[in-house]
């Protein structure tokens, strides 16, 4: 069943890449639940009454993805990698807007573990992570992409490896280094 779903997603993406606008209508039901699950995971730690809900986040992602006319979709993993990038941009933009409205606002500490879990002070965490990712991208763009796909897109190590065209072991090794680097950067940023 999962293999068929993946094939259906790939077929819809291929049709979309060839200009078939109706393919988006077929794609949405195939990927919506997965995108909503990812969005809910990110927003779970938000305070009650937060203005951005999982459904709204997914809808914004779809608006951005539907606008991607220059993308030559390579399959399900590629779609979710681009979706992760869109989700990252939306969350960062939202956090920046909310932070502008608030008065004051030093950055809060981000606790990193295996899944890069962030604290309930989500806006500051997302912005601190964004700053760190911008720095990481200057040093190693592939490593920044790995964080984006794993953290914002919820992709597995295997899916990231497929999107990047590298081995699973390469992604695992880089993920270990990335977590250590991020932990150091975010801890130094907190004390500064």
C-alpha atoms as a PDB file:
ATOM      1  CA  UNK A   1       0.000   0.000   0.000  1.00  0.00           C
ATOM      2  CA  UNK A   2       2.826   2.422   0.899  1.00  0.00           C
ATOM      3  CA  UNK A   3       4.673   1.598  -2.323  1.00  0.00           C
ATOM      4  CA  UNK A   4       1.553   2.280  -4.375  1.00  0.00           C
ATOM      5  CA  UNK A   5       1.023   5.583  -2.569  1.00  0.00           C
ATOM      6  CA  UNK A   6       4.647   6.552  -3.309  1.00  0.00           C
ATOM      7  CA  UNK A   7       4.162   5.626  -6.963  1.00  0.00           C
ATOM      8  CA  UNK A   8       0.941   7.650  -7.110  1.00  0.00           C
ATOM      9  CA  UNK A   9       2.723  10.669  -5.600  1.00  0.00           C
ATOM     10  CA  UNK A  10       5.584  10.284  -8.077  1.00  0.00           C
ATOM     11  CA  UNK A  11       3.143  10.022 -11.008  1.00  0.00           C
ATOM     12  CA  UNK A  12       1.274  13.150  -9.896  1.00  0.00           C
ATOM     13  CA  UNK A  13       4.537  15.057  -9.487  1.00  0.00           C
ATOM     14  CA  UNK A  14       5.707  13.986 -12.948  1.00  0.00           C
ATOM     15  CA  UNK A  15       2.417  15.174 -14.440  1.00  0.00           C
ATOM     16  CA  UNK A  16       2.691  18.451 -12.512  1.00  0.00           C
ATOM     17  CA  UNK A  17       6.246  18.960 -13.831  1.00  0.00           C
ATOM     18  CA  UNK A  18       4.910  18.514 -17.356  1.00  0.00           C
ATOM     19  CA  UNK A  19       2.392  21.313 -16.816  1.00  0.00           C
ATOM     20  CA  UNK A  20      -0.707  19.284 -15.878  1.00  0.00           C
ATOM     21  CA  UNK A  21      -2.372  21.658 -13.393  1.00  0.00           C
ATOM     22  CA  UNK A  22      -5.035  19.048 -12.531  1.00  0.00           C
ATOM     23  CA  UNK A  23      -2.255  16.845 -11.100  1.00  0.00           C
ATOM     24  CA  UNK A  24      -2.158  19.123  -8.056  1.00  0.00           C
ATOM     25  CA  UNK A  25      -5.762  18.179  -7.286  1.00  0.00           C
ATOM     26  CA  UNK A  26      -4.773  14.508  -7.358  1.00  0.00           C
ATOM     27  CA  UNK A  27      -1.603  15.132  -5.335  1.00  0.00           C
ATOM     28  CA  UNK A  28      -3.171  16.965  -2.399  1.00  0.00           C
ATOM     29  CA  UNK A  29      -5.056  13.992  -0.908  1.00  0.00           C
ATOM     30  CA  UNK A  30      -1.948  11.813  -1.268  1.00  0.00           C
ATOM     31  CA  UNK A  31       0.400  14.088   0.706  1.00  0.00           C
ATOM     32  CA  UNK A  32      -1.899  16.215   2.852  1.00  0.00           C
ATOM     33  CA  UNK A  33      -1.965  13.966   5.934  1.00  0.00           C
ATOM     34  CA  UNK A  34       1.830  13.608   5.990  1.00  0.00           C
ATOM     35  CA  UNK A  35       2.366  17.374   5.673  1.00  0.00           C
ATOM     36  CA  UNK A  36      -0.252  18.041   8.349  1.00  0.00           C
ATOM     37  CA  UNK A  37       1.425  15.527  10.692  1.00  0.00           C
ATOM     38  CA  UNK A  38       4.742  17.302  10.198  1.00  0.00           C
ATOM     39  CA  UNK A  39       3.175  20.710  10.775  1.00  0.00           C
ATOM     40  CA  UNK A  40       1.416  19.492  13.917  1.00  0.00           C
ATOM     41  CA  UNK A  41       4.721  18.199  15.256  1.00  0.00           C
ATOM     42  CA  UNK A  42       6.322  21.614  14.912  1.00  0.00           C
ATOM     43  CA  UNK A  43       3.390  23.503  16.345  1.00  0.00           C
ATOM     44  CA  UNK A  44       2.642  21.077  19.200  1.00  0.00           C
ATOM     45  CA  UNK A  45       4.806  23.027  21.633  1.00  0.00           C
ATOM     46  CA  UNK A  46       3.272  26.380  20.829  1.00  0.00           C
ATOM     47  CA  UNK A  47       1.266  28.115  23.504  1.00  0.00           C
ATOM     48  CA  UNK A  48      -2.514  27.638  23.412  1.00  0.00           C
ATOM     49  CA  UNK A  49      -4.231  30.121  21.156  1.00  0.00           C
ATOM     50  CA  UNK A  50      -1.232  30.396  18.828  1.00  0.00           C
ATOM     51  CA  UNK A  51      -2.351  32.038  15.622  1.00  0.00           C
ATOM     52  CA  UNK A  52      -0.711  29.533  13.271  1.00  0.00           C
ATOM     53  CA  UNK A  53      -2.380  26.123  13.275  1.00  0.00           C
ATOM     54  CA  UNK A  54      -1.229  22.955  11.464  1.00  0.00           C
ATOM     55  CA  UNK A  55      -3.948  23.210   8.827  1.00  0.00           C
ATOM     56  CA  UNK A  56      -3.075  26.836   8.077  1.00  0.00           C
ATOM     57  CA  UNK A  57       0.629  25.976   7.877  1.00  0.00           C
ATOM     58  CA  UNK A  58      -0.065  23.139   5.428  1.00  0.00           C
ATOM     59  CA  UNK A  59      -2.261  25.386   3.310  1.00  0.00           C
ATOM     60  CA  UNK A  60       0.510  27.994   3.155  1.00  0.00           C
ATOM     61  CA  UNK A  61       2.961  25.266   2.157  1.00  0.00           C
ATOM     62  CA  UNK A  62       0.633  24.156  -0.642  1.00  0.00           C
ATOM     63  CA  UNK A  63       0.321  27.736  -1.877  1.00  0.00           C
ATOM     64  CA  UNK A  64       4.112  27.972  -2.085  1.00  0.00           C
ATOM     65  CA  UNK A  65       4.470  24.537  -3.688  1.00  0.00           C
ATOM     66  CA  UNK A  66       1.740  25.172  -6.244  1.00  0.00           C
ATOM     67  CA  UNK A  67       3.732  28.226  -7.291  1.00  0.00           C
ATOM     68  CA  UNK A  68       6.833  26.115  -7.995  1.00  0.00           C
ATOM     69  CA  UNK A  69       6.602  26.014 -11.769  1.00  0.00           C
ATOM     70  CA  UNK A  70      10.365  25.701 -12.244  1.00  0.00           C
ATOM     71  CA  UNK A  71      10.754  22.579 -10.108  1.00  0.00           C
ATOM     72  CA  UNK A  72      11.331  19.311 -11.888  1.00  0.00           C
ATOM     73  CA  UNK A  73       9.949  16.960  -9.252  1.00  0.00           C
ATOM     74  CA  UNK A  74      12.073  13.840  -8.729  1.00  0.00           C
ATOM     75  CA  UNK A  75       9.671  11.960  -6.503  1.00  0.00           C
ATOM     76  CA  UNK A  76       8.074  11.844  -3.074  1.00  0.00           C
ATOM     77  CA  UNK A  77      11.247  12.551  -1.066  1.00  0.00           C
ATOM     78  CA  UNK A  78      12.097  15.528  -3.246  1.00  0.00           C
ATOM     79  CA  UNK A  79       8.576  16.905  -2.796  1.00  0.00           C
ATOM     80  CA  UNK A  80       8.815  16.651   0.996  1.00  0.00           C
ATOM     81  CA  UNK A  81      12.306  18.212   0.930  1.00  0.00           C
ATOM     82  CA  UNK A  82      10.956  21.224  -0.958  1.00  0.00           C
ATOM     83  CA  UNK A  83       7.976  21.203   1.416  1.00  0.00           C
ATOM     84  CA  UNK A  84      10.404  21.304   4.358  1.00  0.00           C
ATOM     85  CA  UNK A  85      12.086  24.336   2.862  1.00  0.00           C
ATOM     86  CA  UNK A  86       8.713  26.055   2.428  1.00  0.00           C
ATOM     87  CA  UNK A  87       7.674  25.150   5.982  1.00  0.00           C
ATOM     88  CA  UNK A  88      10.949  26.564   7.314  1.00  0.00           C
ATOM     89  CA  UNK A  89      10.428  29.867   5.508  1.00  0.00           C
ATOM     90  CA  UNK A  90       6.835  30.167   6.687  1.00  0.00           C
ATOM     91  CA  UNK A  91       7.711  29.393  10.319  1.00  0.00           C
ATOM     92  CA  UNK A  92      10.653  31.804  10.305  1.00  0.00           C
ATOM     93  CA  UNK A  93       8.564  34.574   8.721  1.00  0.00           C
ATOM     94  CA  UNK A  94       5.794  33.958  11.238  1.00  0.00           C
ATOM     95  CA  UNK A  95       8.243  34.010  14.169  1.00  0.00           C
ATOM     96  CA  UNK A  96       9.798  37.259  12.925  1.00  0.00           C
ATOM     97  CA  UNK A  97       6.394  38.897  12.623  1.00  0.00           C
ATOM     98  CA  UNK A  98       5.410  37.810  16.121  1.00  0.00           C
ATOM     99  CA  UNK A  99       8.724  38.923  17.580  1.00  0.00           C
ATOM    100  CA  UNK A 100       8.331  42.386  16.033  1.00  0.00           C
ATOM    101  CA  UNK A 101       5.013  42.720  17.805  1.00  0.00           C
ATOM    102  CA  UNK A 102       6.459  41.726  21.175  1.00  0.00           C
ATOM    103  CA  UNK A 103       8.507  44.138  23.237  1.00  0.00           C
ATOM    104  CA  UNK A 104      11.936  43.118  24.412  1.00  0.00           C
ATOM    105  CA  UNK A 105      12.910  39.595  23.650  1.00  0.00           C
ATOM    106  CA  UNK A 106      16.274  38.054  24.278  1.00  0.00           C
ATOM    107  CA  UNK A 107      16.826  34.677  22.730  1.00  0.00           C
ATOM    108  CA  UNK A 108      16.026  31.575  24.705  1.00  0.00           C
ATOM    109  CA  UNK A 109      18.129  28.467  24.956  1.00  0.00           C
ATOM    110  CA  UNK A 110      17.436  25.663  22.515  1.00  0.00           C
ATOM    111  CA  UNK A 111      17.785  22.132  23.797  1.00  0.00           C
ATOM    112  CA  UNK A 112      19.024  19.735  21.162  1.00  0.00           C
ATOM    113  CA  UNK A 113      18.556  16.004  21.268  1.00  0.00           C
ATOM    114  CA  UNK A 114      18.205  13.319  18.640  1.00  0.00           C
ATOM    115  CA  UNK A 115      15.248  15.055  16.981  1.00  0.00           C
ATOM    116  CA  UNK A 116      16.374  18.657  17.565  1.00  0.00           C
ATOM    117  CA  UNK A 117      13.554  19.344  20.005  1.00  0.00           C
ATOM    118  CA  UNK A 118      12.927  22.993  20.766  1.00  0.00           C
ATOM    119  CA  UNK A 119      11.588  24.631  23.886  1.00  0.00           C
ATOM    120  CA  UNK A 120       8.133  26.141  24.359  1.00  0.00           C
ATOM    121  CA  UNK A 121       9.604  29.577  23.482  1.00  0.00           C
ATOM    122  CA  UNK A 122       9.149  28.568  19.876  1.00  0.00           C
ATOM    123  CA  UNK A 123       9.514  31.923  18.086  1.00  0.00           C
ATOM    124  CA  UNK A 124      12.932  32.617  19.570  1.00  0.00           C
ATOM    125  CA  UNK A 125      13.972  29.007  18.990  1.00  0.00           C
ATOM    126  CA  UNK A 126      12.999  29.082  15.328  1.00  0.00           C
ATOM    127  CA  UNK A 127      14.832  32.379  14.831  1.00  0.00           C
ATOM    128  CA  UNK A 128      17.955  31.126  16.648  1.00  0.00           C
ATOM    129  CA  UNK A 129      17.913  27.966  14.541  1.00  0.00           C
ATOM    130  CA  UNK A 130      17.423  30.045  11.392  1.00  0.00           C
ATOM    131  CA  UNK A 131      20.457  32.198  12.257  1.00  0.00           C
ATOM    132  CA  UNK A 132      22.512  29.064  12.880  1.00  0.00           C
ATOM    133  CA  UNK A 133      21.344  27.528   9.586  1.00  0.00           C
ATOM    134  CA  UNK A 134      22.342  30.645   7.671  1.00  0.00           C
ATOM    135  CA  UNK A 135      25.821  30.355   9.211  1.00  0.00           C
ATOM    136  CA  UNK A 136      25.954  26.627   8.491  1.00  0.00           C
ATOM    137  CA  UNK A 137      24.933  27.194   4.867  1.00  0.00           C
ATOM    138  CA  UNK A 138      27.938  29.493   4.453  1.00  0.00           C
ATOM    139  CA  UNK A 139      30.195  26.706   5.727  1.00  0.00           C
ATOM    140  CA  UNK A 140      28.482  23.708   4.113  1.00  0.00           C
ATOM    141  CA  UNK A 141      25.274  24.083   2.129  1.00  0.00           C
ATOM    142  CA  UNK A 142      24.610  20.335   2.051  1.00  0.00           C
ATOM    143  CA  UNK A 143      24.705  20.130   5.839  1.00  0.00           C
ATOM    144  CA  UNK A 144      22.251  23.036   6.051  1.00  0.00           C
ATOM    145  CA  UNK A 145      19.959  21.162   3.650  1.00  0.00           C
ATOM    146  CA  UNK A 146      20.166  18.073   5.856  1.00  0.00           C
ATOM    147  CA  UNK A 147      19.012  20.043   8.904  1.00  0.00           C
ATOM    148  CA  UNK A 148      16.226  21.648   6.903  1.00  0.00           C
ATOM    149  CA  UNK A 149      14.937  18.327   5.599  1.00  0.00           C
ATOM    150  CA  UNK A 150      15.265  16.495   8.923  1.00  0.00           C
ATOM    151  CA  UNK A 151      14.030  19.253  11.235  1.00  0.00           C
ATOM    152  CA  UNK A 152      11.511  21.168   9.164  1.00  0.00           C
ATOM    153  CA  UNK A 153      10.483  18.391   6.788  1.00  0.00           C
ATOM    154  CA  UNK A 154      10.611  15.408   9.091  1.00  0.00           C
ATOM    155  CA  UNK A 155      12.379  13.349   6.416  1.00  0.00           C
ATOM    156  CA  UNK A 156      14.153  10.185   7.465  1.00  0.00           C
ATOM    157  CA  UNK A 157      17.887   9.763   6.993  1.00  0.00           C
ATOM    158  CA  UNK A 158      17.165   7.443   4.047  1.00  0.00           C
ATOM    159  CA  UNK A 159      14.854   9.998   2.399  1.00  0.00           C
ATOM    160  CA  UNK A 160      17.450  12.758   2.842  1.00  0.00           C
ATOM    161  CA  UNK A 161      20.079  10.486   1.288  1.00  0.00           C
ATOM    162  CA  UNK A 162      17.801   9.880  -1.718  1.00  0.00           C
ATOM    163  CA  UNK A 163      17.149  13.596  -2.227  1.00  0.00           C
ATOM    164  CA  UNK A 164      20.846  14.473  -1.980  1.00  0.00           C
ATOM    165  CA  UNK A 165      22.035  11.468  -3.981  1.00  0.00           C
ATOM    166  CA  UNK A 166      24.408  10.252  -1.265  1.00  0.00           C
ATOM    167  CA  UNK A 167      24.571   7.156   0.910  1.00  0.00           C
ATOM    168  CA  UNK A 168      22.614   6.746   4.120  1.00  0.00           C
ATOM    169  CA  UNK A 169      25.918   6.395   6.019  1.00  0.00           C
ATOM    170  CA  UNK A 170      27.070   9.765   4.668  1.00  0.00           C
ATOM    171  CA  UNK A 171      23.921  11.465   5.946  1.00  0.00           C
ATOM    172  CA  UNK A 172      24.202   9.688   9.315  1.00  0.00           C
ATOM    173  CA  UNK A 173      27.820  10.825   9.730  1.00  0.00           C
ATOM    174  CA  UNK A 174      27.022  14.385   8.729  1.00  0.00           C
ATOM    175  CA  UNK A 175      23.943  14.446  10.978  1.00  0.00           C
ATOM    176  CA  UNK A 176      26.172  13.561  13.956  1.00  0.00           C
ATOM    177  CA  UNK A 177      28.589  16.390  13.120  1.00  0.00           C
ATOM    178  CA  UNK A 178      25.761  18.832  12.429  1.00  0.00           C
ATOM    179  CA  UNK A 179      24.096  18.206  15.798  1.00  0.00           C
ATOM    180  CA  UNK A 180      27.381  18.844  17.600  1.00  0.00           C
ATOM    181  CA  UNK A 181      28.017  22.017  15.603  1.00  0.00           C
ATOM    182  CA  UNK A 182      24.474  23.310  16.199  1.00  0.00           C
ATOM    183  CA  UNK A 183      24.668  22.524  19.901  1.00  0.00           C
ATOM    184  CA  UNK A 184      27.888  24.558  20.150  1.00  0.00           C
ATOM    185  CA  UNK A 185      26.577  27.466  18.037  1.00  0.00           C
ATOM    186  CA  UNK A 186      23.287  27.731  19.882  1.00  0.00           C
ATOM    187  CA  UNK A 187      24.937  27.485  23.292  1.00  0.00           C
ATOM    188  CA  UNK A 188      27.482  30.184  22.359  1.00  0.00           C
ATOM    189  CA  UNK A 189      24.679  32.340  20.975  1.00  0.00           C
ATOM    190  CA  UNK A 190      22.831  32.059  24.273  1.00  0.00           C
ATOM    191  CA  UNK A 191      25.795  33.215  26.326  1.00  0.00           C
ATOM    192  CA  UNK A 192      26.602  36.119  23.998  1.00  0.00           C
END
